[in-house]
């Protein structure tokens, strides 16, 4: 399959797509795949890392969400993605903040969303786009953020309901997604990166969490099924990360590691197949797929 490949990624906030899948998205766009991004909130509760923009934050003007639409637009331009949408339209669902914070209880918080309604919005996108591959988070949302968990629930339910001919025929013709992947980071890859930081005399950004095995988004290598090599597009991912300036600081030792590890951190992204048939092993290590469309005809 080369001519008519379609991929849908479901993420919680602007910047999640770039951090998790930026190189993957850029690679597949360059190969001619139709890449669609579905973002569930505007990220209103995010911190603001740019001092001159700090008054956009929720405890001041509460205008960060609108600003982050522009950041997402610039990031998508950097990655070459032309089809990016918000679940139910921009502003339908609000960033819920971290688990256990008052933002969880806001009436429009995505965490509190009517699941049937949210899933219906996602089904409409799945049936329109007709992707063979869907990418989202695991059941813990990677690290326990309520919006990531909710995005997982919405995406997985939407895949099921989109294929059901008895579900909401008004939302389009049924579509059966062939493969569903969850974003992940192999423990071995995280350990290698942290060891390289230690060799540079830098503290681990996850030191407060203890050992690598305790980092919530790191998974045992045996659970990983695919590694997408997008190093040729790492520059596009870097530009997209810089576009999310209120949320991401790109400069620093983590992205300037010795012996090209920083480039690998930016350019090689890992996945766990949870629906569909695993394709033949590619050139990635451990017998992993090197193409999320592997095995599809």
C-alpha atoms as a PDB file:
ATOM      1  CA  UNK A   1       0.000   0.000   0.000  1.00  0.00           C
ATOM      2  CA  UNK A   2       1.536   3.307  -1.068  1.00  0.00           C
ATOM      3  CA  UNK A   3      -0.935   5.380  -3.039  1.00  0.00           C
ATOM      4  CA  UNK A   4      -3.901   5.698  -0.697  1.00  0.00           C
ATOM      5  CA  UNK A   5      -2.643   5.459   2.863  1.00  0.00           C
ATOM      6  CA  UNK A   6      -4.495   7.404   5.544  1.00  0.00           C
ATOM      7  CA  UNK A   7      -3.586   7.911   9.189  1.00  0.00           C
ATOM      8  CA  UNK A   8      -5.574   9.540  11.996  1.00  0.00           C
ATOM      9  CA  UNK A   9      -3.933  10.669  15.234  1.00  0.00           C
ATOM     10  CA  UNK A  10      -6.069  11.512  18.281  1.00  0.00           C
ATOM     11  CA  UNK A  11      -4.421  13.763  20.866  1.00  0.00           C
ATOM     12  CA  UNK A  12      -5.505  15.698  23.931  1.00  0.00           C
ATOM     13  CA  UNK A  13      -3.816  19.103  23.582  1.00  0.00           C
ATOM     14  CA  UNK A  14      -1.841  21.086  21.016  1.00  0.00           C
ATOM     15  CA  UNK A  15       1.838  19.985  21.262  1.00  0.00           C
ATOM     16  CA  UNK A  16       1.065  16.371  22.242  1.00  0.00           C
ATOM     17  CA  UNK A  17       1.109  15.397  18.581  1.00  0.00           C
ATOM     18  CA  UNK A  18       4.530  16.912  17.976  1.00  0.00           C
ATOM     19  CA  UNK A  19       6.165  15.490  21.088  1.00  0.00           C
ATOM     20  CA  UNK A  20       4.845  11.976  20.486  1.00  0.00           C
ATOM     21  CA  UNK A  21       4.583  11.703  16.724  1.00  0.00           C
ATOM     22  CA  UNK A  22       6.103  14.738  15.002  1.00  0.00           C
ATOM     23  CA  UNK A  23       8.738  12.820  13.047  1.00  0.00           C
ATOM     24  CA  UNK A  24       6.249  10.089  12.152  1.00  0.00           C
ATOM     25  CA  UNK A  25       3.760  12.632  10.847  1.00  0.00           C
ATOM     26  CA  UNK A  26       6.398  14.450   8.796  1.00  0.00           C
ATOM     27  CA  UNK A  27       7.723  11.199   7.336  1.00  0.00           C
ATOM     28  CA  UNK A  28       4.330   9.947   6.244  1.00  0.00           C
ATOM     29  CA  UNK A  29       3.336  13.298   4.775  1.00  0.00           C
ATOM     30  CA  UNK A  30       6.571  13.268   2.762  1.00  0.00           C
ATOM     31  CA  UNK A  31       5.714   9.752   1.531  1.00  0.00           C
ATOM     32  CA  UNK A  32       2.297  10.863   0.326  1.00  0.00           C
ATOM     33  CA  UNK A  33       0.156   9.534   3.171  1.00  0.00           C
ATOM     34  CA  UNK A  34      -2.933  11.527   4.160  1.00  0.00           C
ATOM     35  CA  UNK A  35      -2.266  12.479   7.789  1.00  0.00           C
ATOM     36  CA  UNK A  36      -5.149  13.839   9.881  1.00  0.00           C
ATOM     37  CA  UNK A  37      -4.792  15.201  13.404  1.00  0.00           C
ATOM     38  CA  UNK A  38      -7.769  15.328  15.773  1.00  0.00           C
ATOM     39  CA  UNK A  39      -7.067  17.395  18.906  1.00  0.00           C
ATOM     40  CA  UNK A  40      -9.551  17.222  21.776  1.00  0.00           C
ATOM     41  CA  UNK A  41      -8.948  20.521  23.635  1.00  0.00           C
ATOM     42  CA  UNK A  42      -7.205  23.861  23.192  1.00  0.00           C
ATOM     43  CA  UNK A  43      -4.833  23.302  26.118  1.00  0.00           C
ATOM     44  CA  UNK A  44      -6.135  26.265  28.100  1.00  0.00           C
ATOM     45  CA  UNK A  45      -4.672  25.034  31.397  1.00  0.00           C
ATOM     46  CA  UNK A  46      -1.088  24.770  30.181  1.00  0.00           C
ATOM     47  CA  UNK A  47       1.801  26.640  31.724  1.00  0.00           C
ATOM     48  CA  UNK A  48       3.204  29.580  29.790  1.00  0.00           C
ATOM     49  CA  UNK A  49       6.966  29.329  29.331  1.00  0.00           C
ATOM     50  CA  UNK A  50       7.306  32.658  27.496  1.00  0.00           C
ATOM     51  CA  UNK A  51       7.456  35.451  30.103  1.00  0.00           C
ATOM     52  CA  UNK A  52       6.047  38.130  27.824  1.00  0.00           C
ATOM     53  CA  UNK A  53       2.974  35.946  27.221  1.00  0.00           C
ATOM     54  CA  UNK A  54       2.353  34.921  30.836  1.00  0.00           C
ATOM     55  CA  UNK A  55      -0.803  37.057  31.082  1.00  0.00           C
ATOM     56  CA  UNK A  56      -2.507  34.686  28.625  1.00  0.00           C
ATOM     57  CA  UNK A  57      -2.608  32.050  31.366  1.00  0.00           C
ATOM     58  CA  UNK A  58      -5.759  30.731  33.000  1.00  0.00           C
ATOM     59  CA  UNK A  59      -5.255  32.777  36.170  1.00  0.00           C
ATOM     60  CA  UNK A  60      -4.967  36.019  34.180  1.00  0.00           C
ATOM     61  CA  UNK A  61      -6.724  36.663  30.839  1.00  0.00           C
ATOM     62  CA  UNK A  62      -7.448  32.968  30.198  1.00  0.00           C
ATOM     63  CA  UNK A  63      -6.650  33.411  26.516  1.00  0.00           C
ATOM     64  CA  UNK A  64      -4.015  30.709  26.158  1.00  0.00           C
ATOM     65  CA  UNK A  65      -6.313  28.338  24.287  1.00  0.00           C
ATOM     66  CA  UNK A  66      -6.823  30.728  21.407  1.00  0.00           C
ATOM     67  CA  UNK A  67      -3.114  31.421  21.246  1.00  0.00           C
ATOM     68  CA  UNK A  68      -2.347  27.738  21.111  1.00  0.00           C
ATOM     69  CA  UNK A  69      -4.521  27.342  18.010  1.00  0.00           C
ATOM     70  CA  UNK A  70      -2.005  29.581  16.240  1.00  0.00           C
ATOM     71  CA  UNK A  71       0.887  27.557  17.677  1.00  0.00           C
ATOM     72  CA  UNK A  72      -0.695  24.352  16.413  1.00  0.00           C
ATOM     73  CA  UNK A  73      -1.215  25.872  12.980  1.00  0.00           C
ATOM     74  CA  UNK A  74       2.486  26.786  12.789  1.00  0.00           C
ATOM     75  CA  UNK A  75       3.503  23.325  14.001  1.00  0.00           C
ATOM     76  CA  UNK A  76       1.362  21.632  11.370  1.00  0.00           C
ATOM     77  CA  UNK A  77       2.879  23.836   8.695  1.00  0.00           C
ATOM     78  CA  UNK A  78       6.310  22.725   9.868  1.00  0.00           C
ATOM     79  CA  UNK A  79       5.317  19.059   9.646  1.00  0.00           C
ATOM     80  CA  UNK A  80       3.464  19.473   6.347  1.00  0.00           C
ATOM     81  CA  UNK A  81       0.111  18.390   7.793  1.00  0.00           C
ATOM     82  CA  UNK A  82      -2.833  20.152   6.152  1.00  0.00           C
ATOM     83  CA  UNK A  83      -5.770  18.330   7.783  1.00  0.00           C
ATOM     84  CA  UNK A  84      -5.977  19.154  11.492  1.00  0.00           C
ATOM     85  CA  UNK A  85      -9.171  19.525  13.480  1.00  0.00           C
ATOM     86  CA  UNK A  86     -10.573  19.923  16.975  1.00  0.00           C
ATOM     87  CA  UNK A  87     -13.007  17.391  18.386  1.00  0.00           C
ATOM     88  CA  UNK A  88     -16.479  18.882  17.979  1.00  0.00           C
ATOM     89  CA  UNK A  89     -14.905  22.149  16.768  1.00  0.00           C
ATOM     90  CA  UNK A  90     -12.452  24.553  18.437  1.00  0.00           C
ATOM     91  CA  UNK A  91     -13.396  25.163  22.068  1.00  0.00           C
ATOM     92  CA  UNK A  92     -16.055  22.456  22.358  1.00  0.00           C
ATOM     93  CA  UNK A  93     -14.071  20.804  25.150  1.00  0.00           C
ATOM     94  CA  UNK A  94     -11.816  22.540  27.670  1.00  0.00           C
ATOM     95  CA  UNK A  95      -8.456  21.384  28.967  1.00  0.00           C
ATOM     96  CA  UNK A  96      -9.140  19.576  32.265  1.00  0.00           C
ATOM     97  CA  UNK A  97      -5.802  20.331  33.904  1.00  0.00           C
ATOM     98  CA  UNK A  98      -3.811  17.772  35.853  1.00  0.00           C
ATOM     99  CA  UNK A  99      -5.596  15.041  37.759  1.00  0.00           C
ATOM    100  CA  UNK A 100      -7.086  16.213  41.057  1.00  0.00           C
ATOM    101  CA  UNK A 101      -7.049  19.938  40.247  1.00  0.00           C
ATOM    102  CA  UNK A 102     -10.115  22.225  40.301  1.00  0.00           C
ATOM    103  CA  UNK A 103     -10.003  22.419  36.495  1.00  0.00           C
ATOM    104  CA  UNK A 104     -11.287  18.827  36.413  1.00  0.00           C
ATOM    105  CA  UNK A 105     -14.647  20.132  37.601  1.00  0.00           C
ATOM    106  CA  UNK A 106     -15.125  22.901  35.034  1.00  0.00           C
ATOM    107  CA  UNK A 107     -18.417  22.355  33.152  1.00  0.00           C
ATOM    108  CA  UNK A 108     -16.681  22.176  29.762  1.00  0.00           C
ATOM    109  CA  UNK A 109     -13.728  20.084  30.971  1.00  0.00           C
ATOM    110  CA  UNK A 110     -13.015  17.252  28.564  1.00  0.00           C
ATOM    111  CA  UNK A 111     -12.709  14.924  31.556  1.00  0.00           C
ATOM    112  CA  UNK A 112     -16.385  15.593  32.290  1.00  0.00           C
ATOM    113  CA  UNK A 113     -17.565  15.359  28.696  1.00  0.00           C
ATOM    114  CA  UNK A 114     -20.515  13.213  27.786  1.00  0.00           C
ATOM    115  CA  UNK A 115     -18.650  10.235  26.359  1.00  0.00           C
ATOM    116  CA  UNK A 116     -21.351   9.300  23.856  1.00  0.00           C
ATOM    117  CA  UNK A 117     -21.359  12.823  22.437  1.00  0.00           C
ATOM    118  CA  UNK A 118     -17.570  13.018  22.236  1.00  0.00           C
ATOM    119  CA  UNK A 119     -17.340   9.609  20.602  1.00  0.00           C
ATOM    120  CA  UNK A 120     -19.942  10.587  18.013  1.00  0.00           C
ATOM    121  CA  UNK A 121     -17.807  13.599  17.037  1.00  0.00           C
ATOM    122  CA  UNK A 122     -14.837  11.273  16.598  1.00  0.00           C
ATOM    123  CA  UNK A 123     -16.832   8.676  14.652  1.00  0.00           C
ATOM    124  CA  UNK A 124     -17.805  11.365  12.156  1.00  0.00           C
ATOM    125  CA  UNK A 125     -14.110  12.077  11.550  1.00  0.00           C
ATOM    126  CA  UNK A 126     -13.169   8.390  11.265  1.00  0.00           C
ATOM    127  CA  UNK A 127     -15.925   7.745   8.749  1.00  0.00           C
ATOM    128  CA  UNK A 128     -14.999  10.818   6.724  1.00  0.00           C
ATOM    129  CA  UNK A 129     -11.233  10.265   6.715  1.00  0.00           C
ATOM    130  CA  UNK A 130     -11.415   6.438   6.516  1.00  0.00           C
ATOM    131  CA  UNK A 131      -7.960   5.823   8.007  1.00  0.00           C
ATOM    132  CA  UNK A 132      -6.307   2.434   7.884  1.00  0.00           C
ATOM    133  CA  UNK A 133      -4.210   3.394  10.932  1.00  0.00           C
ATOM    134  CA  UNK A 134      -5.235   5.222  14.115  1.00  0.00           C
ATOM    135  CA  UNK A 135      -2.712   6.427  16.716  1.00  0.00           C
ATOM    136  CA  UNK A 136      -3.555   7.495  20.265  1.00  0.00           C
ATOM    137  CA  UNK A 137      -2.548   6.901  23.922  1.00  0.00           C
ATOM    138  CA  UNK A 138      -2.716   3.858  26.165  1.00  0.00           C
ATOM    139  CA  UNK A 139      -5.402   3.464  28.817  1.00  0.00           C
ATOM    140  CA  UNK A 140      -3.408   5.583  31.277  1.00  0.00           C
ATOM    141  CA  UNK A 141      -2.958   8.347  28.738  1.00  0.00           C
ATOM    142  CA  UNK A 142       0.790   7.815  28.924  1.00  0.00           C
ATOM    143  CA  UNK A 143       1.206   9.465  32.306  1.00  0.00           C
ATOM    144  CA  UNK A 144      -2.232   9.789  33.869  1.00  0.00           C
ATOM    145  CA  UNK A 145      -3.414  13.164  32.557  1.00  0.00           C
ATOM    146  CA  UNK A 146      -7.237  13.099  32.552  1.00  0.00           C
ATOM    147  CA  UNK A 147      -7.497  14.514  29.034  1.00  0.00           C
ATOM    148  CA  UNK A 148      -5.084  11.895  27.694  1.00  0.00           C
ATOM    149  CA  UNK A 149      -7.119   9.149  29.360  1.00  0.00           C
ATOM    150  CA  UNK A 150     -10.323  10.596  27.918  1.00  0.00           C
ATOM    151  CA  UNK A 151      -8.747  10.909  24.452  1.00  0.00           C
ATOM    152  CA  UNK A 152      -7.846   7.223  24.680  1.00  0.00           C
ATOM    153  CA  UNK A 153     -11.422   6.322  25.608  1.00  0.00           C
ATOM    154  CA  UNK A 154     -12.885   8.425  22.810  1.00  0.00           C
ATOM    155  CA  UNK A 155     -10.492   7.124  20.171  1.00  0.00           C
ATOM    156  CA  UNK A 156     -10.930   3.461  21.048  1.00  0.00           C
ATOM    157  CA  UNK A 157     -14.715   3.696  21.250  1.00  0.00           C
ATOM    158  CA  UNK A 158     -14.824   5.639  17.986  1.00  0.00           C
ATOM    159  CA  UNK A 159     -12.886   2.899  16.202  1.00  0.00           C
ATOM    160  CA  UNK A 160     -15.434   0.344  17.392  1.00  0.00           C
ATOM    161  CA  UNK A 161     -18.528   2.385  16.623  1.00  0.00           C
ATOM    162  CA  UNK A 162     -17.299   3.639  13.262  1.00  0.00           C
ATOM    163  CA  UNK A 163     -17.257   0.029  12.052  1.00  0.00           C
ATOM    164  CA  UNK A 164     -20.769  -0.706  13.331  1.00  0.00           C
ATOM    165  CA  UNK A 165     -23.311  -0.326  10.490  1.00  0.00           C
ATOM    166  CA  UNK A 166     -26.073   0.067  13.070  1.00  0.00           C
ATOM    167  CA  UNK A 167     -24.445   3.060  14.768  1.00  0.00           C
ATOM    168  CA  UNK A 168     -25.509   6.555  13.681  1.00  0.00           C
ATOM    169  CA  UNK A 169     -25.871   6.168   9.897  1.00  0.00           C
ATOM    170  CA  UNK A 170     -26.228   9.944   9.804  1.00  0.00           C
ATOM    171  CA  UNK A 171     -22.493  10.162  10.577  1.00  0.00           C
ATOM    172  CA  UNK A 172     -21.439   8.480   7.339  1.00  0.00           C
ATOM    173  CA  UNK A 173     -20.753   5.030   5.948  1.00  0.00           C
ATOM    174  CA  UNK A 174     -19.203   2.484   8.332  1.00  0.00           C
ATOM    175  CA  UNK A 175     -15.433   2.186   8.290  1.00  0.00           C
ATOM    176  CA  UNK A 176     -13.267  -0.560   9.790  1.00  0.00           C
ATOM    177  CA  UNK A 177      -9.866   0.721  10.954  1.00  0.00           C
ATOM    178  CA  UNK A 178      -7.222  -1.916  10.214  1.00  0.00           C
ATOM    179  CA  UNK A 179      -4.636  -1.087  12.887  1.00  0.00           C
ATOM    180  CA  UNK A 180      -4.597   0.898  16.136  1.00  0.00           C
ATOM    181  CA  UNK A 181      -1.357   1.906  17.830  1.00  0.00           C
ATOM    182  CA  UNK A 182      -0.636   3.442  21.201  1.00  0.00           C
ATOM    183  CA  UNK A 183       2.283   5.840  21.603  1.00  0.00           C
ATOM    184  CA  UNK A 184       5.025   4.556  23.881  1.00  0.00           C
ATOM    185  CA  UNK A 185       8.689   4.892  24.866  1.00  0.00           C
ATOM    186  CA  UNK A 186      10.734   1.701  25.344  1.00  0.00           C
ATOM    187  CA  UNK A 187      12.507   1.575  28.688  1.00  0.00           C
ATOM    188  CA  UNK A 188      15.785   0.786  26.957  1.00  0.00           C
ATOM    189  CA  UNK A 189      15.561   3.941  24.846  1.00  0.00           C
ATOM    190  CA  UNK A 190      14.729   6.133  27.844  1.00  0.00           C
ATOM    191  CA  UNK A 191      17.530   4.541  29.858  1.00  0.00           C
ATOM    192  CA  UNK A 192      20.016   5.205  27.058  1.00  0.00           C
ATOM    193  CA  UNK A 193      18.994   8.854  26.906  1.00  0.00           C
ATOM    194  CA  UNK A 194      19.214   9.341  30.653  1.00  0.00           C
ATOM    195  CA  UNK A 195      22.608   7.625  30.787  1.00  0.00           C
ATOM    196  CA  UNK A 196      23.839  10.009  28.112  1.00  0.00           C
ATOM    197  CA  UNK A 197      22.600  12.973  30.145  1.00  0.00           C
ATOM    198  CA  UNK A 198      24.374  11.631  33.207  1.00  0.00           C
ATOM    199  CA  UNK A 199      27.593  11.321  31.206  1.00  0.00           C
ATOM    200  CA  UNK A 200      27.246  15.021  30.385  1.00  0.00           C
ATOM    201  CA  UNK A 201      26.834  15.796  34.078  1.00  0.00           C
ATOM    202  CA  UNK A 202      23.159  16.654  33.677  1.00  0.00           C
ATOM    203  CA  UNK A 203      20.436  15.600  36.108  1.00  0.00           C
ATOM    204  CA  UNK A 204      17.681  13.319  34.858  1.00  0.00           C
ATOM    205  CA  UNK A 205      14.449  15.207  34.149  1.00  0.00           C
ATOM    206  CA  UNK A 206      12.681  12.234  35.764  1.00  0.00           C
ATOM    207  CA  UNK A 207      14.884  11.976  38.842  1.00  0.00           C
ATOM    208  CA  UNK A 208      11.935  12.586  41.161  1.00  0.00           C
ATOM    209  CA  UNK A 209      10.229   9.490  39.783  1.00  0.00           C
ATOM    210  CA  UNK A 210      13.024   7.115  40.716  1.00  0.00           C
ATOM    211  CA  UNK A 211      14.241   4.403  38.337  1.00  0.00           C
ATOM    212  CA  UNK A 212      13.379   4.166  34.640  1.00  0.00           C
ATOM    213  CA  UNK A 213      10.965   1.345  35.488  1.00  0.00           C
ATOM    214  CA  UNK A 214       8.929   3.847  37.512  1.00  0.00           C
ATOM    215  CA  UNK A 215       8.523   6.389  34.689  1.00  0.00           C
ATOM    216  CA  UNK A 216       4.821   6.047  33.747  1.00  0.00           C
ATOM    217  CA  UNK A 217       5.099   6.423  29.983  1.00  0.00           C
ATOM    218  CA  UNK A 218       8.065   4.050  29.606  1.00  0.00           C
ATOM    219  CA  UNK A 219       7.061   0.474  28.758  1.00  0.00           C
ATOM    220  CA  UNK A 220       8.984  -2.818  28.714  1.00  0.00           C
ATOM    221  CA  UNK A 221      10.643  -3.363  25.362  1.00  0.00           C
ATOM    222  CA  UNK A 222       8.641  -6.544  24.785  1.00  0.00           C
ATOM    223  CA  UNK A 223       5.422  -4.500  24.603  1.00  0.00           C
ATOM    224  CA  UNK A 224       6.782  -2.321  21.797  1.00  0.00           C
ATOM    225  CA  UNK A 225       5.867  -3.462  18.287  1.00  0.00           C
ATOM    226  CA  UNK A 226       7.006  -0.653  15.976  1.00  0.00           C
ATOM    227  CA  UNK A 227       9.752   1.935  15.650  1.00  0.00           C
ATOM    228  CA  UNK A 228       9.254   4.573  12.971  1.00  0.00           C
ATOM    229  CA  UNK A 229      12.509   6.095  11.775  1.00  0.00           C
ATOM    230  CA  UNK A 230      11.787   9.711  10.976  1.00  0.00           C
ATOM    231  CA  UNK A 231      15.316  11.010  11.518  1.00  0.00           C
ATOM    232  CA  UNK A 232      15.363  12.430   8.018  1.00  0.00           C
ATOM    233  CA  UNK A 233      12.551  14.712   9.209  1.00  0.00           C
ATOM    234  CA  UNK A 234      13.909  15.526  12.679  1.00  0.00           C
ATOM    235  CA  UNK A 235      14.435  19.112  11.576  1.00  0.00           C
ATOM    236  CA  UNK A 236      10.718  19.419  10.868  1.00  0.00           C
ATOM    237  CA  UNK A 237       9.896  18.003  14.285  1.00  0.00           C
ATOM    238  CA  UNK A 238      12.331  20.442  15.872  1.00  0.00           C
ATOM    239  CA  UNK A 239      10.625  23.340  14.052  1.00  0.00           C
ATOM    240  CA  UNK A 240       7.203  22.098  15.137  1.00  0.00           C
ATOM    241  CA  UNK A 241       8.326  21.866  18.757  1.00  0.00           C
ATOM    242  CA  UNK A 242       9.630  25.422  18.558  1.00  0.00           C
ATOM    243  CA  UNK A 243       6.245  26.488  17.193  1.00  0.00           C
ATOM    244  CA  UNK A 244       4.706  25.356  20.502  1.00  0.00           C
ATOM    245  CA  UNK A 245       6.795  27.987  22.263  1.00  0.00           C
ATOM    246  CA  UNK A 246       4.464  28.548  25.222  1.00  0.00           C
ATOM    247  CA  UNK A 247       4.751  24.859  26.138  1.00  0.00           C
ATOM    248  CA  UNK A 248       8.119  23.478  25.036  1.00  0.00           C
ATOM    249  CA  UNK A 249      11.694  24.602  25.608  1.00  0.00           C
ATOM    250  CA  UNK A 250      13.751  22.932  22.896  1.00  0.00           C
ATOM    251  CA  UNK A 251      17.226  24.238  23.672  1.00  0.00           C
ATOM    252  CA  UNK A 252      19.258  22.405  26.284  1.00  0.00           C
ATOM    253  CA  UNK A 253      21.311  19.259  26.817  1.00  0.00           C
ATOM    254  CA  UNK A 254      18.466  16.814  26.160  1.00  0.00           C
ATOM    255  CA  UNK A 255      18.348  17.880  22.505  1.00  0.00           C
ATOM    256  CA  UNK A 256      22.094  18.314  22.115  1.00  0.00           C
ATOM    257  CA  UNK A 257      23.302  14.919  23.287  1.00  0.00           C
ATOM    258  CA  UNK A 258      26.577  13.514  22.070  1.00  0.00           C
ATOM    259  CA  UNK A 259      26.947  10.910  19.279  1.00  0.00           C
ATOM    260  CA  UNK A 260      23.664  11.849  17.616  1.00  0.00           C
ATOM    261  CA  UNK A 261      21.466  10.466  20.383  1.00  0.00           C
ATOM    262  CA  UNK A 262      19.611  13.776  20.481  1.00  0.00           C
ATOM    263  CA  UNK A 263      18.751  13.338  16.811  1.00  0.00           C
ATOM    264  CA  UNK A 264      17.483   9.836  17.571  1.00  0.00           C
ATOM    265  CA  UNK A 265      15.378  11.139  20.462  1.00  0.00           C
ATOM    266  CA  UNK A 266      13.778  13.576  18.050  1.00  0.00           C
ATOM    267  CA  UNK A 267      13.533  11.290  15.053  1.00  0.00           C
ATOM    268  CA  UNK A 268      12.715   7.713  16.115  1.00  0.00           C
ATOM    269  CA  UNK A 269       9.234   7.202  17.590  1.00  0.00           C
ATOM    270  CA  UNK A 270       7.839   4.016  19.069  1.00  0.00           C
ATOM    271  CA  UNK A 271       4.436   2.368  19.099  1.00  0.00           C
ATOM    272  CA  UNK A 272       2.456  -0.539  20.503  1.00  0.00           C
ATOM    273  CA  UNK A 273      -0.002  -2.334  18.208  1.00  0.00           C
ATOM    274  CA  UNK A 274      -3.261  -3.066  20.061  1.00  0.00           C
ATOM    275  CA  UNK A 275      -5.727  -3.701  17.211  1.00  0.00           C
ATOM    276  CA  UNK A 276      -5.083  -5.456  13.931  1.00  0.00           C
ATOM    277  CA  UNK A 277      -2.446  -7.836  12.604  1.00  0.00           C
ATOM    278  CA  UNK A 278       1.223  -7.187  13.131  1.00  0.00           C
ATOM    279  CA  UNK A 279       3.059  -6.763   9.861  1.00  0.00           C
ATOM    280  CA  UNK A 280       6.389  -8.292   8.897  1.00  0.00           C
ATOM    281  CA  UNK A 281       9.481  -7.168  10.760  1.00  0.00           C
ATOM    282  CA  UNK A 282      11.310  -4.316   9.142  1.00  0.00           C
ATOM    283  CA  UNK A 283      14.755  -2.895   9.710  1.00  0.00           C
ATOM    284  CA  UNK A 284      13.975  -1.659  13.233  1.00  0.00           C
ATOM    285  CA  UNK A 285      15.606  -3.515  16.141  1.00  0.00           C
ATOM    286  CA  UNK A 286      14.035  -6.425  18.040  1.00  0.00           C
ATOM    287  CA  UNK A 287      11.950  -7.509  15.071  1.00  0.00           C
ATOM    288  CA  UNK A 288       9.733  -4.446  15.381  1.00  0.00           C
ATOM    289  CA  UNK A 289       7.751  -3.091  12.449  1.00  0.00           C
ATOM    290  CA  UNK A 290       9.369  -0.062  10.849  1.00  0.00           C
ATOM    291  CA  UNK A 291       6.160   1.023   9.110  1.00  0.00           C
ATOM    292  CA  UNK A 292       2.762   1.468  10.769  1.00  0.00           C
ATOM    293  CA  UNK A 293       1.143   0.308   7.532  1.00  0.00           C
ATOM    294  CA  UNK A 294       3.181  -2.920   7.461  1.00  0.00           C
ATOM    295  CA  UNK A 295       1.125  -5.902   6.391  1.00  0.00           C
ATOM    296  CA  UNK A 296      -1.655  -3.839   4.823  1.00  0.00           C
ATOM    297  CA  UNK A 297      -2.253  -4.378   1.125  1.00  0.00           C
END
